[in-house]
C-alpha atoms as a PDB file:
ATOM      1  CA  MET A   1      27.991 119.516   6.438  1.00  0.00           C
ATOM      2  CA  ASP A   2      30.211 122.437   5.379  1.00  0.00           C
ATOM      3  CA  ARG A   3      28.815 125.780   4.152  1.00  0.00           C
ATOM      4  CA  LYS A   4      29.534 125.029   0.456  1.00  0.00           C
ATOM      5  CA  MET A   5      27.642 121.760   0.592  1.00  0.00           C
ATOM      6  CA  LYS A   6      24.773 123.413   2.471  1.00  0.00           C
ATOM      7  CA  THR A   7      24.520 126.001  -0.312  1.00  0.00           C
ATOM      8  CA  ILE A   8      24.391 123.248  -2.944  1.00  0.00           C
ATOM      9  CA  VAL A   9      21.706 121.346  -1.027  1.00  0.00           C
ATOM     10  CA  ARG A  10      19.670 124.517  -0.471  1.00  0.00           C
ATOM     11  CA  THR A  11      19.837 125.383  -4.188  1.00  0.00           C
ATOM     12  CA  PHE A  12      18.749 121.874  -5.186  1.00  0.00           C
ATOM     13  CA  CYS A  13      15.837 121.978  -2.730  1.00  0.00           C
ATOM     14  CA  LEU A  14      14.717 125.367  -3.989  1.00  0.00           C
ATOM     15  CA  LEU A  15      14.822 124.220  -7.639  1.00  0.00           C
ATOM     16  CA  PHE A  16      12.956 121.026  -6.805  1.00  0.00           C
ATOM     17  CA  CYS A  17      10.278 122.826  -4.803  1.00  0.00           C
ATOM     18  CA  VAL A  18       9.785 125.504  -7.456  1.00  0.00           C
ATOM     19  CA  TYR A  19       9.346 122.759 -10.073  1.00  0.00           C
ATOM     20  CA  TYR A  20       6.875 120.969  -7.825  1.00  0.00           C
ATOM     21  CA  ALA A  21       4.961 124.162  -7.146  1.00  0.00           C
ATOM     22  CA  LEU A  22       4.652 124.925 -10.857  1.00  0.00           C
ATOM     23  CA  THR A  23       3.792 121.431 -12.057  1.00  0.00           C
ATOM     24  CA  GLY A  24       2.068 119.597  -9.230  1.00  0.00           C
ATOM     25  CA  PHE A  25       0.125 122.371  -7.591  1.00  0.00           C
ATOM     26  CA  ALA A  26      -2.434 124.831  -8.972  1.00  0.00           C
ATOM     27  CA  ALA A  27      -1.180 128.396  -8.715  1.00  0.00           C
ATOM     28  CA  GLY A  28      -2.514 130.131  -5.639  1.00  0.00           C
ATOM     29  CA  LYS A  29      -4.100 133.540  -5.626  1.00  0.00           C
ATOM     30  CA  ALA A  30      -2.591 136.764  -4.333  1.00  0.00           C
ATOM     31  CA  ASP A  31      -5.857 137.840  -2.724  1.00  0.00           C
ATOM     32  CA  ASN A  32      -7.141 134.622  -1.213  1.00  0.00           C
ATOM     33  CA  ILE A  33      -7.829 135.849   2.324  1.00  0.00           C
ATOM     34  CA  ARG A  34     -11.242 136.825   3.639  1.00  0.00           C
ATOM     35  CA  ILE A  35     -11.564 138.760   6.899  1.00  0.00           C
ATOM     36  CA  SER A  36     -14.450 139.376   9.274  1.00  0.00           C
ATOM     37  CA  TYR A  37     -15.124 141.086  12.590  1.00  0.00           C
ATOM     38  CA  LYS A  38     -17.796 139.160  14.451  1.00  0.00           C
ATOM     39  CA  LYS A  39     -19.674 141.349  16.903  1.00  0.00           C
ATOM     40  CA  PRO A  40     -19.128 139.947  20.411  1.00  0.00           C
ATOM     41  CA  ARG A  41     -22.093 138.869  22.490  1.00  0.00           C
ATOM     42  CA  ASN A  42     -20.341 140.000  25.653  1.00  0.00           C
ATOM     43  CA  PRO A  43     -20.854 143.795  25.901  1.00  0.00           C
ATOM     44  CA  ASP A  44     -17.563 144.127  27.804  1.00  0.00           C
ATOM     45  CA  LEU A  45     -15.727 143.138  24.611  1.00  0.00           C
ATOM     46  CA  LEU A  46     -17.471 145.642  22.361  1.00  0.00           C
ATOM     47  CA  VAL A  47     -14.866 148.348  22.930  1.00  0.00           C
ATOM     48  CA  ILE A  48     -12.121 146.003  21.697  1.00  0.00           C
ATOM     49  CA  HIS A  49     -14.222 145.006  18.688  1.00  0.00           C
ATOM     50  CA  GLU A  50     -14.804 148.658  17.778  1.00  0.00           C
ATOM     51  CA  ARG A  51     -11.198 149.714  18.369  1.00  0.00           C
ATOM     52  CA  LEU A  52      -9.782 146.945  16.194  1.00  0.00           C
ATOM     53  CA  GLN A  53     -12.301 147.663  13.463  1.00  0.00           C
ATOM     54  CA  GLU A  54     -11.520 151.392  13.533  1.00  0.00           C
ATOM     55  CA  ARG A  55      -7.797 150.667  13.239  1.00  0.00           C
ATOM     56  CA  LYS A  56      -8.470 148.249  10.352  1.00  0.00           C
ATOM     57  CA  THR A  57      -6.440 145.581  12.150  1.00  0.00           C
ATOM     58  CA  LEU A  58      -7.505 142.669   9.978  1.00  0.00           C
ATOM     59  CA  GLU A  59      -7.251 144.721   6.792  1.00  0.00           C
ATOM     60  CA  ARG A  60      -3.634 145.456   7.644  1.00  0.00           C
ATOM     61  CA  LEU A  61      -2.958 141.793   8.452  1.00  0.00           C
ATOM     62  CA  LYS A  62      -4.505 140.771   5.124  1.00  0.00           C
ATOM     63  CA  GLU A  63      -2.294 143.260   3.288  1.00  0.00           C
ATOM     64  CA  PHE A  64       0.766 141.976   5.163  1.00  0.00           C
ATOM     65  CA  LEU A  65       0.006 138.398   4.079  1.00  0.00           C
ATOM     66  CA  LYS A  66      -0.706 139.307   0.464  1.00  0.00           C
ATOM     67  CA  PRO A  67       2.583 137.867  -0.914  1.00  0.00           C
ATOM     68  CA  TYR A  68       1.526 134.312   0.008  1.00  0.00           C
ATOM     69  CA  ARG A  69      -0.120 132.368  -2.808  1.00  0.00           C
ATOM     70  CA  LEU A  70      -2.751 130.209  -1.129  1.00  0.00           C
ATOM     71  CA  PRO A  71      -4.544 127.418  -3.027  1.00  0.00           C
ATOM     72  CA  ARG A  72      -7.896 128.247  -1.495  1.00  0.00           C
ATOM     73  CA  THR A  73      -9.563 130.935   0.573  1.00  0.00           C
ATOM     74  CA  LEU A  74      -8.360 131.425   4.144  1.00  0.00           C
ATOM     75  CA  GLU A  75     -10.722 133.181   6.529  1.00  0.00           C
ATOM     76  CA  ILE A  76      -9.311 135.267   9.370  1.00  0.00           C
ATOM     77  CA  MET A  77     -11.920 136.192  11.942  1.00  0.00           C
ATOM     78  CA  LEU A  78     -12.044 138.151  15.177  1.00  0.00           C
ATOM     79  CA  SER A  79     -14.666 136.645  17.447  1.00  0.00           C
ATOM     80  CA  ASP A  80     -15.647 136.073  21.044  1.00  0.00           C
ATOM     81  CA  CYS A  81     -14.919 132.539  22.211  1.00  0.00           C
ATOM     82  CA  ASP A  82     -17.256 131.860  25.151  1.00  0.00           C
ATOM     83  CA  GLY A  83     -14.795 133.308  27.629  1.00  0.00           C
ATOM     84  CA  GLU A  84     -11.732 131.460  26.327  1.00  0.00           C
ATOM     85  CA  SER A  85      -8.556 133.513  25.851  1.00  0.00           C
ATOM     86  CA  ASP A  86      -7.269 131.788  22.747  1.00  0.00           C
ATOM     87  CA  ALA A  87      -6.547 131.749  19.020  1.00  0.00           C
ATOM     88  CA  PHE A  88      -6.718 128.730  16.750  1.00  0.00           C
ATOM     89  CA  TYR A  89      -6.733 127.418  13.185  1.00  0.00           C
ATOM     90  CA  GLY A  90      -8.993 124.798  11.663  1.00  0.00           C
ATOM     91  CA  ASP A  91     -10.993 124.137   8.492  1.00  0.00           C
ATOM     92  CA  TYR A  92      -9.211 126.921   6.590  1.00  0.00           C
ATOM     93  CA  LYS A  93     -10.134 129.488   9.227  1.00  0.00           C
ATOM     94  CA  ILE A  94      -8.066 131.423  11.774  1.00  0.00           C
ATOM     95  CA  THR A  95     -10.027 132.606  14.798  1.00  0.00           C
ATOM     96  CA  ILE A  96      -8.520 135.203  17.115  1.00  0.00           C
ATOM     97  CA  CYS A  97     -10.555 135.614  20.275  1.00  0.00           C
ATOM     98  CA  TYR A  98     -11.468 139.024  21.648  1.00  0.00           C
ATOM     99  CA  GLU A  99     -10.892 137.522  25.093  1.00  0.00           C
ATOM    100  CA  TYR A 100      -7.241 136.941  24.232  1.00  0.00           C
ATOM    101  CA  ILE A 101      -6.759 140.551  23.159  1.00  0.00           C
ATOM    102  CA  ASP A 102      -8.622 141.733  26.257  1.00  0.00           C
ATOM    103  CA  LEU A 103      -6.231 139.700  28.413  1.00  0.00           C
ATOM    104  CA  LEU A 104      -3.236 141.318  26.725  1.00  0.00           C
ATOM    105  CA  TRP A 105      -4.691 144.785  27.389  1.00  0.00           C
ATOM    106  CA  GLN A 106      -5.336 143.913  31.036  1.00  0.00           C
ATOM    107  CA  ARG A 107      -1.732 142.792  31.466  1.00  0.00           C
ATOM    108  CA  MET A 108      -0.189 145.808  29.735  1.00  0.00           C
ATOM    109  CA  PRO A 109       2.212 147.467  32.211  1.00  0.00           C
ATOM    110  CA  ALA A 110       1.782 151.116  33.161  1.00  0.00           C
ATOM    111  CA  GLY A 111       5.301 151.997  32.033  1.00  0.00           C
ATOM    112  CA  THR A 112       8.357 150.680  30.239  1.00  0.00           C
ATOM    113  CA  THR A 113       9.456 147.309  31.635  1.00  0.00           C
ATOM    114  CA  PRO A 114      12.890 146.853  33.307  1.00  0.00           C
ATOM    115  CA  SER A 115      14.087 145.112  30.120  1.00  0.00           C
ATOM    116  CA  GLY A 116      13.045 148.121  28.024  1.00  0.00           C
ATOM    117  CA  VAL A 117       9.761 146.905  26.483  1.00  0.00           C
ATOM    118  CA  GLU A 118       7.239 149.677  25.816  1.00  0.00           C
ATOM    119  CA  PRO A 119       3.716 149.039  27.194  1.00  0.00           C
ATOM    120  CA  ILE A 120       1.981 148.932  23.789  1.00  0.00           C
ATOM    121  CA  ASP A 121       4.507 146.366  22.535  1.00  0.00           C
ATOM    122  CA  THR A 122       3.413 143.916  25.241  1.00  0.00           C
ATOM    123  CA  VAL A 123       0.096 143.841  23.345  1.00  0.00           C
ATOM    124  CA  ILE A 124       1.206 144.240  19.728  1.00  0.00           C
ATOM    125  CA  GLY A 125       4.092 141.748  19.985  1.00  0.00           C
ATOM    126  CA  PRO A 126       2.158 138.692  21.170  1.00  0.00           C
ATOM    127  CA  LEU A 127      -0.869 139.581  19.016  1.00  0.00           C
ATOM    128  CA  VAL A 128       1.221 139.645  15.829  1.00  0.00           C
ATOM    129  CA  ASP A 129       3.170 136.570  16.927  1.00  0.00           C
ATOM    130  CA  THR A 130      -0.037 134.641  17.630  1.00  0.00           C
ATOM    131  CA  SER A 131      -1.610 135.705  14.333  1.00  0.00           C
ATOM    132  CA  LEU A 132       1.426 134.548  12.356  1.00  0.00           C
ATOM    133  CA  HIS A 133       1.701 131.381  14.450  1.00  0.00           C
ATOM    134  CA  GLU A 134      -1.832 130.444  13.369  1.00  0.00           C
ATOM    135  CA  PHE A 135      -1.050 131.500   9.798  1.00  0.00           C
ATOM    136  CA  ALA A 136       1.877 129.069   9.883  1.00  0.00           C
ATOM    137  CA  HIS A 137      -0.557 126.283  10.787  1.00  0.00           C
ATOM    138  CA  ALA A 138      -2.648 127.333   7.791  1.00  0.00           C
ATOM    139  CA  LEU A 139       0.414 127.176   5.525  1.00  0.00           C
ATOM    140  CA  PHE A 140       1.326 123.698   6.762  1.00  0.00           C
ATOM    141  CA  ASP A 141      -2.221 122.507   6.106  1.00  0.00           C
ATOM    142  CA  MET A 142      -2.999 124.241   2.814  1.00  0.00           C
ATOM    143  CA  LEU A 143       0.374 123.598   1.188  1.00  0.00           C
ATOM    144  CA  ASP A 144       0.778 120.047   2.552  1.00  0.00           C
ATOM    145  CA  ILE A 145       4.101 120.986   4.113  1.00  0.00           C
ATOM    146  CA  PRO A 146       5.783 118.149   6.010  1.00  0.00           C
ATOM    147  CA  VAL A 147       6.796 119.029   9.564  1.00  0.00           C
ATOM    148  CA  LEU A 148       9.586 117.193  11.357  1.00  0.00           C
ATOM    149  CA  GLY A 149       8.988 117.520  15.084  1.00  0.00           C
ATOM    150  CA  ARG A 150       6.110 119.157  16.911  1.00  0.00           C
ATOM    151  CA  GLU A 151       3.925 121.321  14.699  1.00  0.00           C
ATOM    152  CA  GLU A 152       3.473 123.908  17.459  1.00  0.00           C
ATOM    153  CA  ASP A 153       7.241 124.439  17.641  1.00  0.00           C
ATOM    154  CA  ALA A 154       7.430 124.737  13.864  1.00  0.00           C
ATOM    155  CA  ALA A 155       4.574 127.276  13.858  1.00  0.00           C
ATOM    156  CA  ASP A 156       6.410 129.348  16.478  1.00  0.00           C
ATOM    157  CA  GLN A 157       9.534 129.305  14.326  1.00  0.00           C
ATOM    158  CA  VAL A 158       7.805 130.211  11.065  1.00  0.00           C
ATOM    159  CA  GLY A 159       5.786 132.996  12.698  1.00  0.00           C
ATOM    160  CA  ALA A 160       8.890 134.550  14.243  1.00  0.00           C
ATOM    161  CA  TYR A 161      10.881 134.098  11.028  1.00  0.00           C
ATOM    162  CA  ILE A 162       8.265 136.040   9.048  1.00  0.00           C
ATOM    163  CA  TYR A 163       8.233 139.128  11.240  1.00  0.00           C
ATOM    164  CA  LEU A 164      12.008 139.057  11.667  1.00  0.00           C
ATOM    165  CA  GLN A 165      12.151 140.017   7.976  1.00  0.00           C
ATOM    166  CA  LEU A 166      10.774 143.441   8.903  1.00  0.00           C
ATOM    167  CA  GLY A 167      12.959 146.444   9.660  1.00  0.00           C
ATOM    168  CA  VAL A 168      15.166 146.285  12.729  1.00  0.00           C
ATOM    169  CA  GLU A 169      13.031 148.537  14.933  1.00  0.00           C
ATOM    170  CA  GLU A 170       9.769 146.729  14.254  1.00  0.00           C
ATOM    171  CA  ALA A 171      11.368 143.276  14.533  1.00  0.00           C
ATOM    172  CA  ARG A 172      12.819 144.265  17.922  1.00  0.00           C
ATOM    173  CA  ARG A 173       9.455 145.528  19.145  1.00  0.00           C
ATOM    174  CA  LEU A 174       7.686 142.335  18.126  1.00  0.00           C
ATOM    175  CA  ILE A 175      10.298 139.944  19.498  1.00  0.00           C
ATOM    176  CA  SER A 176      10.601 141.873  22.772  1.00  0.00           C
ATOM    177  CA  GLY A 177       6.835 142.076  23.244  1.00  0.00           C
ATOM    178  CA  THR A 178       6.366 138.406  22.458  1.00  0.00           C
ATOM    179  CA  ALA A 179       9.127 137.264  24.816  1.00  0.00           C
ATOM    180  CA  HIS A 180       7.687 139.523  27.537  1.00  0.00           C
ATOM    181  CA  ALA A 181       4.277 137.825  27.176  1.00  0.00           C
ATOM    182  CA  PHE A 182       5.759 134.337  27.459  1.00  0.00           C
ATOM    183  CA  LEU A 183       7.931 135.287  30.440  1.00  0.00           C
ATOM    184  CA  TYR A 184       4.902 136.919  32.105  1.00  0.00           C
ATOM    185  CA  GLU A 185       3.061 133.596  31.800  1.00  0.00           C
ATOM    186  CA  ALA A 186       6.051 131.725  33.204  1.00  0.00           C
ATOM    187  CA  ALA A 187       6.394 134.080  36.185  1.00  0.00           C
ATOM    188  CA  LYS A 188       2.654 133.968  36.865  1.00  0.00           C
ATOM    189  CA  ALA A 189       2.674 130.178  36.933  1.00  0.00           C
ATOM    190  CA  GLU A 190       5.668 130.166  39.278  1.00  0.00           C
ATOM    191  CA  ASN A 191       4.114 132.738  41.634  1.00  0.00           C
ATOM    192  CA  GLU A 192       0.857 130.804  41.766  1.00  0.00           C
ATOM    193  CA  ASN A 193       2.729 127.500  42.131  1.00  0.00           C
ATOM    194  CA  ILE A 194       1.127 126.107  38.973  1.00  0.00           C
ATOM    195  CA  LYS A 195       2.987 123.074  37.675  1.00  0.00           C
ATOM    196  CA  ALA A 196       3.936 123.111  34.001  1.00  0.00           C
ATOM    197  CA  ASP A 197       1.925 120.775  31.802  1.00  0.00           C
ATOM    198  CA  TYR A 198       4.725 118.902  30.070  1.00  0.00           C
ATOM    199  CA  SER A 199       2.206 116.778  28.163  1.00  0.00           C
ATOM    200  CA  ASP A 200       0.899 119.832  26.292  1.00  0.00           C
ATOM    201  CA  GLU A 201       1.630 120.069  22.560  1.00  0.00           C
ATOM    202  CA  HIS A 202       3.099 123.549  23.113  1.00  0.00           C
ATOM    203  CA  GLY A 203       6.407 124.242  24.794  1.00  0.00           C
ATOM    204  CA  THR A 204       6.341 125.845  28.223  1.00  0.00           C
ATOM    205  CA  PRO A 205       6.067 129.663  28.199  1.00  0.00           C
ATOM    206  CA  ALA A 206       9.695 130.022  29.304  1.00  0.00           C
ATOM    207  CA  GLN A 207      10.915 127.724  26.543  1.00  0.00           C
ATOM    208  CA  ARG A 208       8.933 129.636  23.939  1.00  0.00           C
ATOM    209  CA  ALA A 209      10.401 132.920  25.192  1.00  0.00           C
ATOM    210  CA  TYR A 210      13.971 131.662  24.878  1.00  0.00           C
ATOM    211  CA  ASN A 211      13.195 130.195  21.455  1.00  0.00           C
ATOM    212  CA  VAL A 212      12.013 133.509  19.976  1.00  0.00           C
ATOM    213  CA  LEU A 213      14.920 135.386  21.565  1.00  0.00           C
ATOM    214  CA  CYS A 214      17.293 132.817  20.081  1.00  0.00           C
ATOM    215  CA  MET A 215      15.648 133.177  16.658  1.00  0.00           C
ATOM    216  CA  ALA A 216      16.227 136.938  16.760  1.00  0.00           C
ATOM    217  CA  TYR A 217      19.823 136.653  17.946  1.00  0.00           C
ATOM    218  CA  GLY A 218      20.522 134.025  15.304  1.00  0.00           C
ATOM    219  CA  ALA A 219      19.071 136.294  12.609  1.00  0.00           C
ATOM    220  CA  ASP A 220      21.436 139.150  13.514  1.00  0.00           C
ATOM    221  CA  THR A 221      23.905 138.745  16.380  1.00  0.00           C
ATOM    222  CA  ARG A 222      24.937 142.390  16.126  1.00  0.00           C
ATOM    223  CA  VAL A 223      21.461 143.935  16.276  1.00  0.00           C
ATOM    224  CA  PHE A 224      20.219 141.659  19.053  1.00  0.00           C
ATOM    225  CA  LYS A 225      23.451 141.278  21.038  1.00  0.00           C
ATOM    226  CA  ASP A 226      21.899 143.123  23.992  1.00  0.00           C
ATOM    227  CA  PHE A 227      19.582 140.146  24.537  1.00  0.00           C
ATOM    228  CA  VAL A 228      22.691 138.289  25.695  1.00  0.00           C
ATOM    229  CA  GLY A 229      24.262 141.304  27.379  1.00  0.00           C
ATOM    230  CA  LYS A 230      21.153 141.895  29.497  1.00  0.00           C
ATOM    231  CA  GLY A 231      20.957 138.239  30.458  1.00  0.00           C
ATOM    232  CA  LEU A 232      17.679 137.650  28.625  1.00  0.00           C
ATOM    233  CA  LEU A 233      19.286 134.936  26.503  1.00  0.00           C
ATOM    234  CA  PRO A 234      21.856 132.662  28.214  1.00  0.00           C
ATOM    235  CA  GLU A 235      25.276 132.646  26.527  1.00  0.00           C
ATOM    236  CA  ARG A 236      25.264 128.853  26.251  1.00  0.00           C
ATOM    237  CA  ARG A 237      22.070 128.939  24.163  1.00  0.00           C
ATOM    238  CA  ALA A 238      23.243 131.966  22.184  1.00  0.00           C
ATOM    239  CA  GLU A 239      26.214 130.001  20.845  1.00  0.00           C
ATOM    240  CA  ILE A 240      23.975 127.864  18.618  1.00  0.00           C
ATOM    241  CA  CYS A 241      21.310 130.417  17.689  1.00  0.00           C
ATOM    242  CA  GLU A 242      22.786 131.199  14.269  1.00  0.00           C
ATOM    243  CA  GLU A 243      22.550 127.519  13.371  1.00  0.00           C
ATOM    244  CA  GLU A 244      18.976 127.351  14.676  1.00  0.00           C
ATOM    245  CA  TYR A 245      17.982 130.361  12.595  1.00  0.00           C
ATOM    246  CA  GLU A 246      19.630 128.902   9.477  1.00  0.00           C
ATOM    247  CA  GLN A 247      17.683 125.666   9.923  1.00  0.00           C
ATOM    248  CA  VAL A 248      14.410 127.598   9.913  1.00  0.00           C
ATOM    249  CA  GLN A 249      15.551 129.780   7.026  1.00  0.00           C
ATOM    250  CA  ASP A 250      16.522 126.777   4.907  1.00  0.00           C
ATOM    251  CA  ALA A 251      13.203 125.026   5.577  1.00  0.00           C
ATOM    252  CA  TYR A 252      11.185 128.192   4.918  1.00  0.00           C
ATOM    253  CA  GLU A 253      12.956 128.940   1.641  1.00  0.00           C
ATOM    254  CA  ALA A 254      12.659 125.357   0.403  1.00  0.00           C
ATOM    255  CA  LEU A 255       9.106 124.545   1.485  1.00  0.00           C
ATOM    256  CA  ILE A 256       7.257 127.877   1.706  1.00  0.00           C
ATOM    257  CA  GLY A 257       9.368 130.125  -0.509  1.00  0.00           C
ATOM    258  CA  PRO A 258       7.988 128.724  -3.796  1.00  0.00           C
ATOM    259  CA  TYR A 259       4.526 129.960  -2.777  1.00  0.00           C
ATOM    260  CA  VAL A 260       5.658 133.522  -2.033  1.00  0.00           C
ATOM    261  CA  ASP A 261       5.659 136.403  -4.506  1.00  0.00           C
ATOM    262  CA  GLN A 262       9.173 137.570  -3.604  1.00  0.00           C
ATOM    263  CA  ALA A 263       8.920 140.996  -5.243  1.00  0.00           C
ATOM    264  CA  LEU A 264       5.717 141.698  -3.335  1.00  0.00           C
ATOM    265  CA  ALA A 265       7.231 140.262  -0.149  1.00  0.00           C
ATOM    266  CA  ASP A 266      10.203 142.624  -0.434  1.00  0.00           C
ATOM    267  CA  GLU A 267       7.784 145.523  -0.787  1.00  0.00           C
ATOM    268  CA  VAL A 268       5.747 144.392   2.220  1.00  0.00           C
ATOM    269  CA  PHE A 269       8.763 143.923   4.492  1.00  0.00           C
ATOM    270  CA  GLU A 270      10.150 147.338   3.602  1.00  0.00           C
ATOM    271  CA  ARG A 271       7.000 149.074   4.844  1.00  0.00           C
ATOM    272  CA  SER A 272       6.316 150.263   8.375  1.00  0.00           C
ATOM    273  CA  TRP A 273       3.414 148.360   9.933  1.00  0.00           C
ATOM    274  CA  LEU A 274       3.330 149.044  13.655  1.00  0.00           C
ATOM    275  CA  GLN A 275       1.558 151.885  15.390  1.00  0.00           C
ATOM    276  CA  ARG A 276       2.618 153.451  18.647  1.00  0.00           C
END
C-alpha cells in the first residue's frame, strides 16, 4: 500500500472511530482514575512505600493519564504482593508491587552503564514502562479494543508509544532504562543457564529490549541513530523500524485516539515529568 492510500485509509478509520465513540459509547470522564498506596505488611518495604508517597508518584501518574477518557473508574494501587516482583491488571485495577520496585532499586548500578544509562533511569525507565504497559491492558479491556496478535506484545507497543510522545530527553531516558532492564534479565538468565520459557505469553527479555529500541528508532531515526551506531539495535532490524512504528501509530490513532482529549494530551506531553 503506497503512502497516499495509507493516508486515505487512516483518515477513514479515524472518522469511523470518532463516529463510533460519539454514538455507540458513553463519553468517558477526564478524572476517572483512583489511586491508593497500600501500606506493606513487610517492614522492609516500608521505606519504598514512604518514598513513593512523599514523591507523589501515583498522583503524577494520574495527572499524566488525565487525557484518556475512560468509561468507568480505573484504580491504580501500590501494594505488596506476598513476595512476588510483579505488576498486573485485572477487574479495572492496576496493581504495582512494592517488591518489583524494590528489585529495580537493588539492581540499580553504582554508576553510568557502558551504554550511557544513568543509574536512576534503570529504575524510572522500567517502572514507567511497566505502569503504561498495564494501562494499555486497561485500555484494551475498558474500550473493547480488538488486538491482532499477542496482547502482551500490543501492550508493550502502546506503552512505549505513549512515552515516546514526550520530549526527546525524557523519551531517551525511559527507552534506555527500559531496554537496560530487559537486557539485564536476559544476561542474568544466560549467566545462570536458565532456559527461556518460549511458552510464556510475554516475549523473551531480549526480544522485548530490541522491540522498544526499534520503536524509538522508528519514531525518530535521527534522534535515536546512536542505538544503531552503538550496536544496541542491529542494522537489519533497524531497516524496518519506521514501518513498525507507523503500524503502532496507525492503530493507536484509529482505536485509542478517539478516547483522548488531544488538547490536554499535547499539554501533558509538553511538560517535564522525570526527576533526577
